[in-house]
Amino acid sequence: MKRLINILIFNVFFFPFGLNANENFSVEIEALTLVMEQYEKDIDLEPETDIELNNKKPSYMALKQDECNATVKVTEKTGLEIVGTESFDVNVCKKEINKVIN
């Protein structure tokens, strides 16, 4: 019984603090979601050329610039080899994605 009370007290005091994480990272989360949706559509449109190239696994990283803007970098890897890197400027307020040309 004492253990149950300790668990309940712990959840009551520390659960609200966990909700702030989503608010702090909401721009990055929304930017990643937009880019992932667009990136998956672009991959589905590409013709399949080589079996090894189909094993590309993208990894995503988002950096918040302000309340509406973030930069998302997509790195494609096949095993340990980095195949390509693309950057996107994302405006989550307007739901716009602009590819950065290097």
PDB file of N, CA and C in Angstrom:
ATOM      1  N   MET A   1       0.822  -1.194   0.000  1.00  0.00           N
ATOM      2  CA  MET A   1       0.000   0.000   0.000  1.00  0.00           C
ATOM      3  C   MET A   1       0.867   1.259   0.000  1.00  0.00           C
ATOM      4  N   LYS A   2       1.920   1.211   0.796  1.00  0.00           N
ATOM      5  CA  LYS A   2       2.821   2.362   0.878  1.00  0.00           C
ATOM      6  C   LYS A   2       3.485   2.622  -0.479  1.00  0.00           C
ATOM      7  N   ARG A   3       3.809   1.542  -1.163  1.00  0.00           N
ATOM      8  CA  ARG A   3       4.426   1.662  -2.484  1.00  0.00           C
ATOM      9  C   ARG A   3       3.471   2.315  -3.481  1.00  0.00           C
ATOM     10  N   LEU A   4       2.211   1.936  -3.450  1.00  0.00           N
ATOM     11  CA  LEU A   4       1.191   2.514  -4.321  1.00  0.00           C
ATOM     12  C   LEU A   4       1.023   4.013  -4.064  1.00  0.00           C
ATOM     13  N   ILE A   5       1.023   4.406  -2.819  1.00  0.00           N
ATOM     14  CA  ILE A   5       0.897   5.830  -2.465  1.00  0.00           C
ATOM     15  C   ILE A   5       2.109   6.598  -2.978  1.00  0.00           C
ATOM     16  N   ASN A   6       3.298   6.031  -2.848  1.00  0.00           N
ATOM     17  CA  ASN A   6       4.505   6.701  -3.355  1.00  0.00           C
ATOM     18  C   ASN A   6       4.453   6.885  -4.866  1.00  0.00           C
ATOM     19  N   ILE A   7       3.962   5.880  -5.578  1.00  0.00           N
ATOM     20  CA  ILE A   7       3.844   5.981  -7.039  1.00  0.00           C
ATOM     21  C   ILE A   7       2.846   7.070  -7.415  1.00  0.00           C
ATOM     22  N   LEU A   8       1.716   7.118  -6.730  1.00  0.00           N
ATOM     23  CA  LEU A   8       0.710   8.145  -7.015  1.00  0.00           C
ATOM     24  C   LEU A   8       1.236   9.544  -6.731  1.00  0.00           C
ATOM     25  N   ILE A   9       1.922   9.719  -5.626  1.00  0.00           N
ATOM     26  CA  ILE A   9       2.483  11.035  -5.294  1.00  0.00           C
ATOM     27  C   ILE A   9       3.529  11.448  -6.328  1.00  0.00           C
ATOM     28  N   PHE A  10       4.370  10.504  -6.719  1.00  0.00           N
ATOM     29  CA  PHE A  10       5.382  10.789  -7.729  1.00  0.00           C
ATOM     30  C   PHE A  10       4.735  11.250  -9.034  1.00  0.00           C
ATOM     31  N   ASN A  11       3.692  10.552  -9.485  1.00  0.00           N
ATOM     32  CA  ASN A  11       3.013  10.910 -10.731  1.00  0.00           C
ATOM     33  C   ASN A  11       2.323  12.262 -10.644  1.00  0.00           C
ATOM     34  N   VAL A  12       1.736  12.579  -9.515  1.00  0.00           N
ATOM     35  CA  VAL A  12       1.032  13.854  -9.361  1.00  0.00           C
ATOM     36  C   VAL A  12       2.005  15.020  -9.420  1.00  0.00           C
ATOM     37  N   PHE A  13       3.166  14.882  -8.797  1.00  0.00           N
ATOM     38  CA  PHE A  13       4.109  15.993  -8.747  1.00  0.00           C
ATOM     39  C   PHE A  13       4.962  16.131 -10.001  1.00  0.00           C
ATOM     40  N   PHE A  14       5.295  15.035 -10.659  1.00  0.00           N
ATOM     41  CA  PHE A  14       6.226  15.100 -11.776  1.00  0.00           C
ATOM     42  C   PHE A  14       5.587  14.965 -13.146  1.00  0.00           C
ATOM     43  N   PHE A  15       4.374  14.526 -13.248  1.00  0.00           N
ATOM     44  CA  PHE A  15       3.716  14.380 -14.542  1.00  0.00           C
ATOM     45  C   PHE A  15       3.519  15.708 -15.251  1.00  0.00           C
ATOM     46  N   PRO A  16       3.077  16.783 -14.604  1.00  0.00           N
ATOM     47  CA  PRO A  16       2.902  18.056 -15.318  1.00  0.00           C
ATOM     48  C   PRO A  16       4.196  18.601 -15.910  1.00  0.00           C
ATOM     49  N   PHE A  17       5.334  18.312 -15.284  1.00  0.00           N
ATOM     50  CA  PHE A  17       6.602  18.789 -15.823  1.00  0.00           C
ATOM     51  C   PHE A  17       6.937  18.106 -17.142  1.00  0.00           C
ATOM     52  N   GLY A  18       6.513  16.870 -17.332  1.00  0.00           N
ATOM     53  CA  GLY A  18       6.751  16.145 -18.569  1.00  0.00           C
ATOM     54  C   GLY A  18       5.978  16.727 -19.737  1.00  0.00           C
ATOM     55  N   LEU A  19       4.871  17.392 -19.481  1.00  0.00           N
ATOM     56  CA  LEU A  19       4.075  17.971 -20.553  1.00  0.00           C
ATOM     57  C   LEU A  19       4.746  19.173 -21.189  1.00  0.00           C
ATOM     58  N   ASN A  20       5.631  19.827 -20.480  1.00  0.00           N
ATOM     59  CA  ASN A  20       6.319  21.002 -21.021  1.00  0.00           C
ATOM     60  C   ASN A  20       7.295  20.649 -22.135  1.00  0.00           C
ATOM     61  N   ALA A  21       7.758  19.420 -22.180  1.00  0.00           N
ATOM     62  CA  ALA A  21       8.707  19.019 -23.227  1.00  0.00           C
ATOM     63  C   ALA A  21       8.080  19.153 -24.604  1.00  0.00           C
ATOM     64  N   ASN A  22       6.833  18.740 -24.776  1.00  0.00           N
ATOM     65  CA  ASN A  22       6.180  18.875 -26.071  1.00  0.00           C
ATOM     66  C   ASN A  22       6.020  20.331 -26.459  1.00  0.00           C
ATOM     67  N   GLU A  23       5.725  21.203 -25.508  1.00  0.00           N
ATOM     68  CA  GLU A  23       5.584  22.626 -25.804  1.00  0.00           C
ATOM     69  C   GLU A  23       6.932  23.231 -26.193  1.00  0.00           C
ATOM     70  N   ASN A  24       8.008  22.799 -25.549  1.00  0.00           N
ATOM     71  CA  ASN A  24       9.332  23.334 -25.842  1.00  0.00           C
ATOM     72  C   ASN A  24       9.837  22.905 -27.213  1.00  0.00           C
ATOM     73  N   PHE A  25       9.471  21.716 -27.650  1.00  0.00           N
ATOM     74  CA  PHE A  25       9.974  21.174 -28.901  1.00  0.00           C
ATOM     75  C   PHE A  25       8.891  21.082 -29.970  1.00  0.00           C
ATOM     76  N   SER A  26       7.809  21.810 -29.815  1.00  0.00           N
ATOM     77  CA  SER A  26       6.694  21.681 -30.763  1.00  0.00           C
ATOM     78  C   SER A  26       7.080  22.125 -32.168  1.00  0.00           C
ATOM     79  N   VAL A  27       7.917  23.146 -32.303  1.00  0.00           N
ATOM     80  CA  VAL A  27       8.341  23.621 -33.625  1.00  0.00           C
ATOM     81  C   VAL A  27       9.171  22.544 -34.324  1.00  0.00           C
ATOM     82  N   GLU A  28      10.110  21.939 -33.583  1.00  0.00           N
ATOM     83  CA  GLU A  28      10.940  20.899 -34.172  1.00  0.00           C
ATOM     84  C   GLU A  28      10.111  19.673 -34.557  1.00  0.00           C
ATOM     85  N   ILE A  29       9.182  19.292 -33.687  1.00  0.00           N
ATOM     86  CA  ILE A  29       8.353  18.117 -33.962  1.00  0.00           C
ATOM     87  C   ILE A  29       7.495  18.343 -35.201  1.00  0.00           C
ATOM     88  N   GLU A  30       6.878  19.512 -35.296  1.00  0.00           N
ATOM     89  CA  GLU A  30       6.028  19.821 -36.453  1.00  0.00           C
ATOM     90  C   GLU A  30       6.865  19.890 -37.736  1.00  0.00           C
ATOM     91  N   ALA A  31       8.058  20.495 -37.657  1.00  0.00           N
ATOM     92  CA  ALA A  31       8.934  20.587 -38.833  1.00  0.00           C
ATOM     93  C   ALA A  31       9.372  19.203 -39.288  1.00  0.00           C
ATOM     94  N   LEU A  32       9.737  18.340 -38.350  1.00  0.00           N
ATOM     95  CA  LEU A  32      10.138  16.975 -38.708  1.00  0.00           C
ATOM     96  C   LEU A  32       8.983  16.218 -39.350  1.00  0.00           C
ATOM     97  N   THR A  33       7.783  16.389 -38.814  1.00  0.00           N
ATOM     98  CA  THR A  33       6.620  15.703 -39.367  1.00  0.00           C
ATOM     99  C   THR A  33       6.352  16.146 -40.799  1.00  0.00           C
ATOM    100  N   LEU A  34       6.413  17.451 -41.049  1.00  0.00           N
ATOM    101  CA  LEU A  34       6.173  17.961 -42.399  1.00  0.00           C
ATOM    102  C   LEU A  34       7.212  17.435 -43.389  1.00  0.00           C
ATOM    103  N   VAL A  35       8.482  17.467 -42.997  1.00  0.00           N
ATOM    104  CA  VAL A  35       9.548  17.031 -43.896  1.00  0.00           C
ATOM    105  C   VAL A  35       9.468  15.518 -44.127  1.00  0.00           C
ATOM    106  N   MET A  36       9.177  14.756 -43.091  1.00  0.00           N
ATOM    107  CA  MET A  36       9.076  13.300 -43.252  1.00  0.00           C
ATOM    108  C   MET A  36       7.956  12.929 -44.216  1.00  0.00           C
ATOM    109  N   GLU A  37       6.825  13.605 -44.096  1.00  0.00           N
ATOM    110  CA  GLU A  37       5.712  13.336 -45.018  1.00  0.00           C
ATOM    111  C   GLU A  37       6.104  13.660 -46.451  1.00  0.00           C
ATOM    112  N   GLN A  38       6.724  14.801 -46.669  1.00  0.00           N
ATOM    113  CA  GLN A  38       7.134  15.211 -48.011  1.00  0.00           C
ATOM    114  C   GLN A  38       8.241  14.308 -48.540  1.00  0.00           C
ATOM    115  N   TYR A  39       9.196  13.959 -47.694  1.00  0.00           N
ATOM    116  CA  TYR A  39      10.330  13.150 -48.100  1.00  0.00           C
ATOM    117  C   TYR A  39       9.876  11.749 -48.494  1.00  0.00           C
ATOM    118  N   GLU A  40       8.939  11.175 -47.748  1.00  0.00           N
ATOM    119  CA  GLU A  40       8.416   9.851 -48.084  1.00  0.00           C
ATOM    120  C   GLU A  40       7.688   9.875 -49.430  1.00  0.00           C
ATOM    121  N   LYS A  41       6.960  10.952 -49.725  1.00  0.00           N
ATOM    122  CA  LYS A  41       6.288  11.072 -51.021  1.00  0.00           C
ATOM    123  C   LYS A  41       7.316  11.119 -52.148  1.00  0.00           C
ATOM    124  N   ASP A  42       8.401  11.877 -51.945  1.00  0.00           N
ATOM    125  CA  ASP A  42       9.437  11.995 -52.968  1.00  0.00           C
ATOM    126  C   ASP A  42      10.147  10.665 -53.204  1.00  0.00           C
ATOM    127  N   ILE A  43      10.382   9.898 -52.164  1.00  0.00           N
ATOM    128  CA  ILE A  43      11.049   8.601 -52.310  1.00  0.00           C
ATOM    129  C   ILE A  43      10.148   7.635 -53.070  1.00  0.00           C
ATOM    130  N   ASP A  44       8.848   7.669 -52.798  1.00  0.00           N
ATOM    131  CA  ASP A  44       7.922   6.770 -53.492  1.00  0.00           C
ATOM    132  C   ASP A  44       7.844   7.082 -54.985  1.00  0.00           C
ATOM    133  N   LEU A  45       8.105   8.331 -55.386  1.00  0.00           N
ATOM    134  CA  LEU A  45       8.033   8.708 -56.788  1.00  0.00           C
ATOM    135  C   LEU A  45       9.278   8.313 -57.571  1.00  0.00           C
ATOM    136  N   GLU A  46      10.409   8.109 -56.872  1.00  0.00           N
ATOM    137  CA  GLU A  46      11.655   7.759 -57.557  1.00  0.00           C
ATOM    138  C   GLU A  46      11.587   6.331 -58.083  1.00  0.00           C
ATOM    139  N   PRO A  47      12.099   6.095 -59.293  1.00  0.00           N
ATOM    140  CA  PRO A  47      12.125   4.714 -59.804  1.00  0.00           C
ATOM    141  C   PRO A  47      13.167   3.888 -59.062  1.00  0.00           C
ATOM    142  N   GLU A  48      12.881   2.610 -58.902  1.00  0.00           N
ATOM    143  CA  GLU A  48      13.826   1.723 -58.239  1.00  0.00           C
ATOM    144  C   GLU A  48      14.887   1.300 -59.239  1.00  0.00           C
ATOM    145  N   THR A  49      16.168   1.629 -58.940  1.00  0.00           N
ATOM    146  CA  THR A  49      17.232   1.364 -59.891  1.00  0.00           C
ATOM    147  C   THR A  49      18.147   0.233 -59.453  1.00  0.00           C
ATOM    148  N   ASP A  50      18.440   0.157 -58.170  1.00  0.00           N
ATOM    149  CA  ASP A  50      19.395  -0.836 -57.694  1.00  0.00           C
ATOM    150  C   ASP A  50      18.921  -1.360 -56.347  1.00  0.00           C
ATOM    151  N   ILE A  51      19.105  -2.635 -56.118  1.00  0.00           N
ATOM    152  CA  ILE A  51      18.651  -3.238 -54.868  1.00  0.00           C
ATOM    153  C   ILE A  51      19.385  -2.627 -53.680  1.00  0.00           C
ATOM    154  N   GLU A  52      20.681  -2.372 -53.817  1.00  0.00           N
ATOM    155  CA  GLU A  52      21.456  -1.823 -52.714  1.00  0.00           C
ATOM    156  C   GLU A  52      21.008  -0.402 -52.372  1.00  0.00           C
ATOM    157  N   LEU A  53      20.654   0.378 -53.381  1.00  0.00           N
ATOM    158  CA  LEU A  53      20.217   1.746 -53.134  1.00  0.00           C
ATOM    159  C   LEU A  53      18.866   1.801 -52.431  1.00  0.00           C
ATOM    160  N   ASN A  54      18.055   0.759 -52.546  1.00  0.00           N
ATOM    161  CA  ASN A  54      16.762   0.744 -51.881  1.00  0.00           C
ATOM    162  C   ASN A  54      16.882   0.573 -50.377  1.00  0.00           C
ATOM    163  N   ASN A  55      18.056   0.240 -49.873  1.00  0.00           N
ATOM    164  CA  ASN A  55      18.273   0.074 -48.444  1.00  0.00           C
ATOM    165  C   ASN A  55      18.663   1.382 -47.766  1.00  0.00           C
ATOM    166  N   LYS A  56      18.473   2.508 -48.436  1.00  0.00           N
ATOM    167  CA  LYS A  56      18.800   3.796 -47.847  1.00  0.00           C
ATOM    168  C   LYS A  56      17.892   4.052 -46.655  1.00  0.00           C
ATOM    169  N   LYS A  57      18.493   4.497 -45.562  1.00  0.00           N
ATOM    170  CA  LYS A  57      17.728   4.810 -44.368  1.00  0.00           C
ATOM    171  C   LYS A  57      17.986   6.272 -44.012  1.00  0.00           C
ATOM    172  N   PRO A  58      16.952   7.110 -44.090  1.00  0.00           N
ATOM    173  CA  PRO A  58      17.156   8.512 -43.753  1.00  0.00           C
ATOM    174  C   PRO A  58      17.154   8.730 -42.244  1.00  0.00           C
ATOM    175  N   SER A  59      17.984   9.672 -41.797  1.00  0.00           N
ATOM    176  CA  SER A  59      17.933  10.130 -40.414  1.00  0.00           C
ATOM    177  C   SER A  59      17.679  11.629 -40.444  1.00  0.00           C
ATOM    178  N   TYR A  60      16.915  12.113 -39.493  1.00  0.00           N
ATOM    179  CA  TYR A  60      16.438  13.497 -39.489  1.00  0.00           C
ATOM    180  C   TYR A  60      16.950  14.225 -38.260  1.00  0.00           C
ATOM    181  N   MET A  61      17.259  15.523 -38.441  1.00  0.00           N
ATOM    182  CA  MET A  61      17.665  16.368 -37.327  1.00  0.00           C
ATOM    183  C   MET A  61      17.029  17.740 -37.533  1.00  0.00           C
ATOM    184  N   ALA A  62      16.400  18.281 -36.500  1.00  0.00           N
ATOM    185  CA  ALA A  62      15.749  19.586 -36.606  1.00  0.00           C
ATOM    186  C   ALA A  62      16.389  20.567 -35.638  1.00  0.00           C
ATOM    187  N   LEU A  63      16.569  21.800 -36.116  1.00  0.00           N
ATOM    188  CA  LEU A  63      17.104  22.881 -35.300  1.00  0.00           C
ATOM    189  C   LEU A  63      16.129  24.054 -35.336  1.00  0.00           C
ATOM    190  N   LYS A  64      15.658  24.472 -34.185  1.00  0.00           N
ATOM    191  CA  LYS A  64      14.690  25.561 -34.092  1.00  0.00           C
ATOM    192  C   LYS A  64      15.389  26.896 -34.304  1.00  0.00           C
ATOM    193  N   GLN A  65      14.788  27.747 -35.150  1.00  0.00           N
ATOM    194  CA  GLN A  65      15.316  29.091 -35.372  1.00  0.00           C
ATOM    195  C   GLN A  65      14.519  30.119 -34.580  1.00  0.00           C
ATOM    196  N   ASP A  66      13.189  30.041 -34.654  1.00  0.00           N
ATOM    197  CA  ASP A  66      12.300  30.902 -33.870  1.00  0.00           C
ATOM    198  C   ASP A  66      10.977  30.177 -33.684  1.00  0.00           C
ATOM    199  N   GLU A  67       9.930  30.888 -33.328  1.00  0.00           N
ATOM    200  CA  GLU A  67       8.648  30.254 -33.011  1.00  0.00           C
ATOM    201  C   GLU A  67       7.968  29.612 -34.216  1.00  0.00           C
ATOM    202  N   CYS A  68       8.332  30.016 -35.428  1.00  0.00           N
ATOM    203  CA  CYS A  68       7.695  29.463 -36.626  1.00  0.00           C
ATOM    204  C   CYS A  68       8.659  28.734 -37.546  1.00  0.00           C
ATOM    205  N   ASN A  69       9.946  28.949 -37.410  1.00  0.00           N
ATOM    206  CA  ASN A  69      10.918  28.423 -38.376  1.00  0.00           C
ATOM    207  C   ASN A  69      11.876  27.420 -37.752  1.00  0.00           C
ATOM    208  N   ALA A  70      12.240  26.438 -38.566  1.00  0.00           N
ATOM    209  CA  ALA A  70      13.230  25.437 -38.162  1.00  0.00           C
ATOM    210  C   ALA A  70      13.977  24.971 -39.406  1.00  0.00           C
ATOM    211  N   THR A  71      15.164  24.449 -39.192  1.00  0.00           N
ATOM    212  CA  THR A  71      15.952  23.847 -40.253  1.00  0.00           C
ATOM    213  C   THR A  71      15.989  22.345 -40.011  1.00  0.00           C
ATOM    214  N   VAL A  72      15.677  21.572 -41.032  1.00  0.00           N
ATOM    215  CA  VAL A  72      15.691  20.118 -40.922  1.00  0.00           C
ATOM    216  C   VAL A  72      16.740  19.572 -41.878  1.00  0.00           C
ATOM    217  N   LYS A  73      17.629  18.722 -41.365  1.00  0.00           N
ATOM    218  CA  LYS A  73      18.652  18.084 -42.188  1.00  0.00           C
ATOM    219  C   LYS A  73      18.334  16.601 -42.284  1.00  0.00           C
ATOM    220  N   VAL A  74      18.335  16.104 -43.519  1.00  0.00           N
ATOM    221  CA  VAL A  74      18.061  14.692 -43.779  1.00  0.00           C
ATOM    222  C   VAL A  74      19.336  14.070 -44.319  1.00  0.00           C
ATOM    223  N   THR A  75      19.805  13.028 -43.661  1.00  0.00           N
ATOM    224  CA  THR A  75      21.003  12.317 -44.078  1.00  0.00           C
ATOM    225  C   THR A  75      20.603  10.898 -44.440  1.00  0.00           C
ATOM    226  N   GLU A  76      20.932  10.477 -45.666  1.00  0.00           N
ATOM    227  CA  GLU A  76      20.637   9.117 -46.117  1.00  0.00           C
ATOM    228  C   GLU A  76      21.883   8.262 -45.944  1.00  0.00           C
ATOM    229  N   LYS A  77      21.681   7.086 -45.363  1.00  0.00           N
ATOM    230  CA  LYS A  77      22.791   6.171 -45.130  1.00  0.00           C
ATOM    231  C   LYS A  77      22.438   4.787 -45.653  1.00  0.00           C
ATOM    232  N   THR A  78      23.451   4.098 -46.153  1.00  0.00           N
ATOM    233  CA  THR A  78      23.335   2.672 -46.452  1.00  0.00           C
ATOM    234  C   THR A  78      24.389   1.997 -45.587  1.00  0.00           C
ATOM    235  N   GLY A  79      23.980   1.450 -44.486  1.00  0.00           N
ATOM    236  CA  GLY A  79      24.938   0.881 -43.536  1.00  0.00           C
ATOM    237  C   GLY A  79      25.721   1.998 -42.884  1.00  0.00           C
ATOM    238  N   LEU A  80      27.030   2.004 -43.079  1.00  0.00           N
ATOM    239  CA  LEU A  80      27.882   3.040 -42.507  1.00  0.00           C
ATOM    240  C   LEU A  80      28.188   4.173 -43.485  1.00  0.00           C
ATOM    241  N   GLU A  81      27.859   3.981 -44.743  1.00  0.00           N
ATOM    242  CA  GLU A  81      28.172   4.958 -45.778  1.00  0.00           C
ATOM    243  C   GLU A  81      27.077   6.022 -45.882  1.00  0.00           C
ATOM    244  N   ILE A  82      27.476   7.288 -45.858  1.00  0.00           N
ATOM    245  CA  ILE A  82      26.534   8.385 -46.048  1.00  0.00           C
ATOM    246  C   ILE A  82      26.372   8.614 -47.542  1.00  0.00           C
ATOM    247  N   VAL A  83      25.138   8.458 -48.035  1.00  0.00           N
ATOM    248  CA  VAL A  83      24.858   8.568 -49.461  1.00  0.00           C
ATOM    249  C   VAL A  83      24.567  10.007 -49.850  1.00  0.00           C
ATOM    250  N   GLY A  84      23.807  10.723 -49.029  1.00  0.00           N
ATOM    251  CA  GLY A  84      23.459  12.099 -49.365  1.00  0.00           C
ATOM    252  C   GLY A  84      22.914  12.855 -48.174  1.00  0.00           C
ATOM    253  N   THR A  85      23.003  14.176 -48.254  1.00  0.00           N
ATOM    254  CA  THR A  85      22.480  15.045 -47.211  1.00  0.00           C
ATOM    255  C   THR A  85      21.696  16.174 -47.864  1.00  0.00           C
ATOM    256  N   GLU A  86      20.524  16.449 -47.329  1.00  0.00           N
ATOM    257  CA  GLU A  86      19.697  17.546 -47.814  1.00  0.00           C
ATOM    258  C   GLU A  86      19.247  18.383 -46.626  1.00  0.00           C
ATOM    259  N   SER A  87      19.104  19.695 -46.852  1.00  0.00           N
ATOM    260  CA  SER A  87      18.622  20.602 -45.817  1.00  0.00           C
ATOM    261  C   SER A  87      17.346  21.276 -46.283  1.00  0.00           C
ATOM    262  N   PHE A  88      16.456  21.514 -45.345  1.00  0.00           N
ATOM    263  CA  PHE A  88      15.184  22.162 -45.622  1.00  0.00           C
ATOM    264  C   PHE A  88      14.932  23.254 -44.600  1.00  0.00           C
ATOM    265  N   ASP A  89      14.473  24.412 -45.071  1.00  0.00           N
ATOM    266  CA  ASP A  89      13.967  25.454 -44.188  1.00  0.00           C
ATOM    267  C   ASP A  89      12.463  25.277 -44.112  1.00  0.00           C
ATOM    268  N   VAL A  90      11.943  25.140 -42.904  1.00  0.00           N
ATOM    269  CA  VAL A  90      10.526  24.844 -42.713  1.00  0.00           C
ATOM    270  C   VAL A  90       9.882  25.963 -41.903  1.00  0.00           C
ATOM    271  N   ASN A  91       8.763  26.479 -42.423  1.00  0.00           N
ATOM    272  CA  ASN A  91       7.939  27.431 -41.686  1.00  0.00           C
ATOM    273  C   ASN A  91       6.691  26.680 -41.248  1.00  0.00           C
ATOM    274  N   VAL A  92       6.618  26.338 -39.957  1.00  0.00           N
ATOM    275  CA  VAL A  92       5.504  25.521 -39.479  1.00  0.00           C
ATOM    276  C   VAL A  92       4.216  26.330 -39.359  1.00  0.00           C
ATOM    277  N   CYS A  93       4.304  27.640 -39.233  1.00  0.00           N
ATOM    278  CA  CYS A  93       3.098  28.468 -39.155  1.00  0.00           C
ATOM    279  C   CYS A  93       2.362  28.477 -40.488  1.00  0.00           C
ATOM    280  N   LYS A  94       3.125  28.574 -41.595  1.00  0.00           N
ATOM    281  CA  LYS A  94       2.538  28.582 -42.933  1.00  0.00           C
ATOM    282  C   LYS A  94       2.542  27.200 -43.575  1.00  0.00           C
ATOM    283  N   LYS A  95       3.160  26.208 -42.893  1.00  0.00           N
ATOM    284  CA  LYS A  95       3.290  24.836 -43.407  1.00  0.00           C
ATOM    285  C   LYS A  95       4.021  24.818 -44.759  1.00  0.00           C
ATOM    286  N   GLU A  96       5.118  25.595 -44.844  1.00  0.00           N
ATOM    287  CA  GLU A  96       5.926  25.677 -46.057  1.00  0.00           C
ATOM    288  C   GLU A  96       7.257  24.967 -45.852  1.00  0.00           C
ATOM    289  N   ILE A  97       7.700  24.268 -46.901  1.00  0.00           N
ATOM    290  CA  ILE A  97       9.000  23.604 -46.876  1.00  0.00           C
ATOM    291  C   ILE A  97       9.802  24.099 -48.061  1.00  0.00           C
ATOM    292  N   ASN A  98      10.994  24.643 -47.805  1.00  0.00           N
ATOM    293  CA  ASN A  98      11.876  25.111 -48.863  1.00  0.00           C
ATOM    294  C   ASN A  98      13.201  24.351 -48.775  1.00  0.00           C
ATOM    295  N   LYS A  99      13.596  23.745 -49.896  1.00  0.00           N
ATOM    296  CA  LYS A  99      14.852  23.017 -49.932  1.00  0.00           C
ATOM    297  C   LYS A  99      16.010  23.995 -50.051  1.00  0.00           C
ATOM    298  N   VAL A 100      17.037  23.775 -49.243  1.00  0.00           N
ATOM    299  CA  VAL A 100      18.228  24.618 -49.280  1.00  0.00           C
ATOM    300  C   VAL A 100      19.196  24.026 -50.284  1.00  0.00           C
ATOM    301  N   ILE A 101      19.593  24.826 -51.265  1.00  0.00           N
ATOM    302  CA  ILE A 101      20.517  24.372 -52.299  1.00  0.00           C
ATOM    303  C   ILE A 101      21.912  24.806 -51.898  1.00  0.00           C
ATOM    304  N   ASN A 102      22.825  23.834 -51.820  1.00  0.00           N
ATOM    305  CA  ASN A 102      24.213  24.135 -51.404  1.00  0.00           C
ATOM    306  C   ASN A 102      25.077  24.440 -52.581  1.00  0.00           C
TER     307      ASN A 102
END
